[in-house]
C-alpha atoms as a PDB file:
ATOM      1  CA  MET A   1      14.876   8.373  22.158  1.00  0.00           C
ATOM      2  CA  THR A   2      12.822   9.275  19.115  1.00  0.00           C
ATOM      3  CA  THR A   3      10.450  12.192  19.007  1.00  0.00           C
ATOM      4  CA  PRO A   4       6.831  11.185  18.500  1.00  0.00           C
ATOM      5  CA  ALA A   5       5.386  11.677  15.037  1.00  0.00           C
ATOM      6  CA  GLU A   6       3.098  14.654  14.580  1.00  0.00           C
ATOM      7  CA  LEU A   7      -0.500  13.770  13.771  1.00  0.00           C
ATOM      8  CA  PRO A   8      -1.856  13.279  11.199  1.00  0.00           C
ATOM      9  CA  VAL A   9       0.891  11.184   9.614  1.00  0.00           C
ATOM     10  CA  THR A  10       0.914   8.746   6.698  1.00  0.00           C
ATOM     11  CA  TRP A  11       3.438   6.048   5.923  1.00  0.00           C
ATOM     12  CA  ALA A  12       3.502   4.704   2.382  1.00  0.00           C
ATOM     13  CA  PRO A  13       6.104   3.249   0.016  1.00  0.00           C
ATOM     14  CA  ARG A  14       6.334   6.426  -2.055  1.00  0.00           C
ATOM     15  CA  ARG A  15       9.072   5.209  -4.394  1.00  0.00           C
ATOM     16  CA  THR A  16       6.986   2.169  -5.241  1.00  0.00           C
ATOM     17  CA  ARG A  17       4.057   4.434  -6.095  1.00  0.00           C
ATOM     18  CA  ALA A  18       6.296   6.772  -8.076  1.00  0.00           C
ATOM     19  CA  VAL A  19       7.337   3.850 -10.280  1.00  0.00           C
ATOM     20  CA  LEU A  20       4.088   1.877 -10.469  1.00  0.00           C
ATOM     21  CA  LEU A  21       1.626   4.629 -11.314  1.00  0.00           C
ATOM     22  CA  PRO A  22       3.450   5.939 -14.411  1.00  0.00           C
ATOM     23  CA  VAL A  23       4.061   2.335 -15.538  1.00  0.00           C
ATOM     24  CA  CYS A  24       0.318   1.683 -15.228  1.00  0.00           C
ATOM     25  CA  GLY A  25      -0.441   4.666 -17.432  1.00  0.00           C
ATOM     26  CA  LEU A  26       2.172   3.527 -19.917  1.00  0.00           C
ATOM     27  CA  LEU A  27       0.629   0.034 -20.012  1.00  0.00           C
ATOM     28  CA  VAL A  28      -2.802   1.405 -20.897  1.00  0.00           C
ATOM     29  CA  VAL A  29      -1.365   3.592 -23.651  1.00  0.00           C
ATOM     30  CA  MET A  30       0.855   0.808 -24.981  1.00  0.00           C
ATOM     31  CA  PHE A  31      -1.963  -1.749 -25.168  1.00  0.00           C
ATOM     32  CA  ALA A  32      -4.253   0.816 -26.829  1.00  0.00           C
ATOM     33  CA  VAL A  33      -1.591   1.587 -29.447  1.00  0.00           C
ATOM     34  CA  ILE A  34      -1.064  -2.127 -30.060  1.00  0.00           C
ATOM     35  CA  ALA A  35      -4.839  -2.586 -30.454  1.00  0.00           C
ATOM     36  CA  VAL A  36      -4.923   0.129 -33.111  1.00  0.00           C
ATOM     37  CA  ALA A  37      -1.797  -1.163 -34.873  1.00  0.00           C
ATOM     38  CA  LEU A  38      -2.956  -4.781 -35.117  1.00  0.00           C
ATOM     39  CA  PRO A  39      -3.202  -6.272 -38.610  1.00  0.00           C
ATOM     40  CA  ALA A  40      -6.480  -5.793 -40.480  1.00  0.00           C
ATOM     41  CA  ASN A  41      -7.444  -9.451 -40.066  1.00  0.00           C
ATOM     42  CA  TRP A  42      -7.887  -8.944 -36.297  1.00  0.00           C
ATOM     43  CA  GLN A  43     -11.512  -8.273 -35.370  1.00  0.00           C
ATOM     44  CA  LEU A  44     -12.947  -5.487 -33.258  1.00  0.00           C
ATOM     45  CA  ASN A  45     -13.486  -7.775 -30.265  1.00  0.00           C
ATOM     46  CA  ASP A  46      -9.770  -8.736 -30.398  1.00  0.00           C
ATOM     47  CA  ARG A  47      -8.829  -5.074 -30.269  1.00  0.00           C
ATOM     48  CA  ILE A  48     -11.229  -4.434 -27.394  1.00  0.00           C
ATOM     49  CA  MET A  49      -9.762  -7.365 -25.470  1.00  0.00           C
ATOM     50  CA  MET A  50      -6.255  -5.960 -26.049  1.00  0.00           C
ATOM     51  CA  VAL A  51      -7.276  -2.632 -24.482  1.00  0.00           C
ATOM     52  CA  LEU A  52      -9.043  -4.437 -21.628  1.00  0.00           C
ATOM     53  CA  SER A  53      -5.875  -6.471 -21.017  1.00  0.00           C
ATOM     54  CA  GLY A  54      -3.913  -3.246 -20.636  1.00  0.00           C
ATOM     55  CA  LEU A  55      -6.532  -1.925 -18.225  1.00  0.00           C
ATOM     56  CA  LEU A  56      -6.395  -5.169 -16.238  1.00  0.00           C
ATOM     57  CA  PHE A  57      -2.593  -5.021 -15.911  1.00  0.00           C
ATOM     58  CA  ALA A  58      -2.813  -1.353 -14.929  1.00  0.00           C
ATOM     59  CA  ALA A  59      -5.473  -2.157 -12.310  1.00  0.00           C
ATOM     60  CA  ALA A  60      -3.143  -4.755 -10.790  1.00  0.00           C
ATOM     61  CA  GLY A  61      -0.368  -2.152 -10.647  1.00  0.00           C
ATOM     62  CA  VAL A  62      -2.637   0.412  -9.007  1.00  0.00           C
ATOM     63  CA  MET A  63      -3.658  -2.229  -6.464  1.00  0.00           C
ATOM     64  CA  LEU A  64       0.019  -2.807  -5.626  1.00  0.00           C
ATOM     65  CA  ALA A  65       0.501   0.957  -5.188  1.00  0.00           C
ATOM     66  CA  ARG A  66      -2.407   1.329  -2.699  1.00  0.00           C
ATOM     67  CA  PRO A  67      -0.857   0.337   0.651  1.00  0.00           C
ATOM     68  CA  ARG A  68      -0.493   3.013   3.301  1.00  0.00           C
ATOM     69  CA  VAL A  69      -0.899   3.463   7.022  1.00  0.00           C
ATOM     70  CA  SER A  70      -2.398   6.727   8.260  1.00  0.00           C
ATOM     71  CA  ALA A  71      -2.662   7.844  11.859  1.00  0.00           C
ATOM     72  CA  ASP A  72      -4.689  10.710  13.268  1.00  0.00           C
ATOM     73  CA  ALA A  73      -6.022  11.703  16.665  1.00  0.00           C
ATOM     74  CA  GLU A  74      -8.866   9.134  16.544  1.00  0.00           C
ATOM     75  CA  GLY A  75      -6.877   6.097  15.363  1.00  0.00           C
ATOM     76  CA  VAL A  76      -5.180   4.361  12.469  1.00  0.00           C
ATOM     77  CA  THR A  77      -6.342   3.566   8.945  1.00  0.00           C
ATOM     78  CA  VAL A  78      -4.585   0.615   7.303  1.00  0.00           C
ATOM     79  CA  VAL A  79      -5.001   0.414   3.528  1.00  0.00           C
ATOM     80  CA  ASN A  80      -3.646  -2.810   2.073  1.00  0.00           C
ATOM     81  CA  PHE A  81      -3.815  -4.192  -1.460  1.00  0.00           C
ATOM     82  CA  VAL A  82      -7.543  -4.877  -1.534  1.00  0.00           C
ATOM     83  CA  ARG A  83      -9.034  -3.865   1.807  1.00  0.00           C
ATOM     84  CA  SER A  84      -8.803  -0.986   4.205  1.00  0.00           C
ATOM     85  CA  ARG A  85      -9.588  -0.992   7.888  1.00  0.00           C
ATOM     86  CA  ARG A  86     -10.079   1.779  10.420  1.00  0.00           C
ATOM     87  CA  LEU A  87      -8.852   1.056  13.956  1.00  0.00           C
ATOM     88  CA  ALA A  88      -9.279   3.021  17.149  1.00  0.00           C
ATOM     89  CA  TRP A  89      -6.065   3.438  19.124  1.00  0.00           C
ATOM     90  CA  ALA A  90      -7.345   1.121  21.863  1.00  0.00           C
ATOM     91  CA  GLU A  91      -7.808  -1.718  19.337  1.00  0.00           C
ATOM     92  CA  ILE A  92      -4.063  -1.909  18.650  1.00  0.00           C
ATOM     93  CA  VAL A  93      -2.130  -3.871  21.267  1.00  0.00           C
ATOM     94  CA  ARG A  94       1.315  -3.952  19.649  1.00  0.00           C
ATOM     95  CA  VAL A  95       3.225  -3.077  16.481  1.00  0.00           C
ATOM     96  CA  ASN A  96       5.538  -5.847  15.253  1.00  0.00           C
ATOM     97  CA  PHE A  97       8.273  -5.598  12.651  1.00  0.00           C
ATOM     98  CA  ARG A  98      10.620  -8.503  13.176  1.00  0.00           C
ATOM     99  CA  GLN A  99      13.766  -9.158  11.194  1.00  0.00           C
ATOM    100  CA  GLY A 100      12.863 -10.816   7.900  1.00  0.00           C
ATOM    101  CA  ASP A 101       9.240  -9.611   7.930  1.00  0.00           C
ATOM    102  CA  PRO A 102       8.208  -7.993   4.626  1.00  0.00           C
ATOM    103  CA  TRP A 103       5.989  -5.455   6.445  1.00  0.00           C
ATOM    104  CA  ALA A 104       4.787  -4.462   9.888  1.00  0.00           C
ATOM    105  CA  THR A 105       1.915  -6.262  11.576  1.00  0.00           C
ATOM    106  CA  LEU A 106      -0.469  -4.972  14.193  1.00  0.00           C
ATOM    107  CA  ASP A 107      -1.586  -7.232  17.044  1.00  0.00           C
ATOM    108  CA  LEU A 108      -5.186  -6.335  17.799  1.00  0.00           C
ATOM    109  CA  ALA A 109      -7.208  -6.490  21.005  1.00  0.00           C
ATOM    110  CA  ASP A 110      -9.535  -9.147  19.552  1.00  0.00           C
ATOM    111  CA  GLY A 111      -6.601 -11.584  19.296  1.00  0.00           C
ATOM    112  CA  THR A 112      -6.066 -11.223  15.548  1.00  0.00           C
ATOM    113  CA  SER A 113      -3.302  -9.474  13.677  1.00  0.00           C
ATOM    114  CA  LEU A 114      -3.416  -7.150  10.701  1.00  0.00           C
ATOM    115  CA  ALA A 115      -0.706  -6.630   8.090  1.00  0.00           C
ATOM    116  CA  ALA A 116       0.292  -2.991   7.727  1.00  0.00           C
ATOM    117  CA  VAL A 117       1.760  -3.210   4.218  1.00  0.00           C
ATOM    118  CA  GLY A 118       2.301   0.559   4.065  1.00  0.00           C
ATOM    119  CA  ILE A 119       5.289   0.076   6.379  1.00  0.00           C
ATOM    120  CA  GLN A 120       7.469  -2.324   4.424  1.00  0.00           C
ATOM    121  CA  SER A 121      11.095  -3.257   4.141  1.00  0.00           C
ATOM    122  CA  GLY A 122      10.993  -2.656   0.377  1.00  0.00           C
ATOM    123  CA  VAL A 123      11.474   1.082   1.014  1.00  0.00           C
ATOM    124  CA  GLY A 124      14.687   0.419   2.885  1.00  0.00           C
ATOM    125  CA  LYS A 125      15.236  -1.464   6.083  1.00  0.00           C
ATOM    126  CA  ALA A 126      16.287   1.504   8.216  1.00  0.00           C
ATOM    127  CA  GLN A 127      13.345   3.618   7.043  1.00  0.00           C
ATOM    128  CA  ALA A 128      10.867   0.791   7.651  1.00  0.00           C
ATOM    129  CA  ILE A 129      12.219   0.224  11.166  1.00  0.00           C
ATOM    130  CA  ALA A 130      11.982   3.946  11.923  1.00  0.00           C
ATOM    131  CA  ASP A 131       8.399   4.068  10.601  1.00  0.00           C
ATOM    132  CA  ALA A 132       7.377   1.010  12.646  1.00  0.00           C
ATOM    133  CA  ARG A 133       8.932   2.541  15.774  1.00  0.00           C
ATOM    134  CA  ALA A 134       7.108   5.818  15.163  1.00  0.00           C
ATOM    135  CA  LEU A 135       3.805   3.954  14.855  1.00  0.00           C
ATOM    136  CA  ARG A 136       4.638   1.890  17.951  1.00  0.00           C
ATOM    137  CA  ASP A 137       5.339   5.075  19.924  1.00  0.00           C
ATOM    138  CA  LEU A 138       2.013   6.545  18.808  1.00  0.00           C
ATOM    139  CA  VAL A 139       0.169   3.351  19.763  1.00  0.00           C
ATOM    140  CA  GLU A 140       1.815   3.348  23.195  1.00  0.00           C
ATOM    141  CA  GLY A 141       1.024   7.024  23.697  1.00  0.00           C
ATOM    142  CA  HIS A 142      -2.621   6.887  22.561  1.00  0.00           C
ATOM    143  CA  GLY A 143      -3.578   3.384  23.602  1.00  0.00           C
ATOM    144  CA  ARG A 144      -3.292   3.978  27.328  1.00  0.00           C
END
């Protein structure tokens, strides 16, 4: 039997963030250096577009580093790539993390489901299973 997680708790793919965020910074710097080092026959708008390209790639990386699932006494906040959603404990019916799933999903009381990308198998299968079980235990404890 696992011990319930202490609230507040956050699950996030920390290694993914640790890699992506510095790479995003490096992309911005690299594209800016390339924009400055371009041959003289390149115009200012070409250089600006080069920097904006670096910013666009970095923004995509930051978006991929966003996912997390946070639980506190009032409920759960799921932050995915683009959107975030706040759920009360009673709104969550079940936590699913089946074999082969890339991340956990939450079955909701309104009949829909919500991906919880912050709990993903990319961090390691055993860790993801433990995180999903911890969230499941919290849902079972608070949802009743």
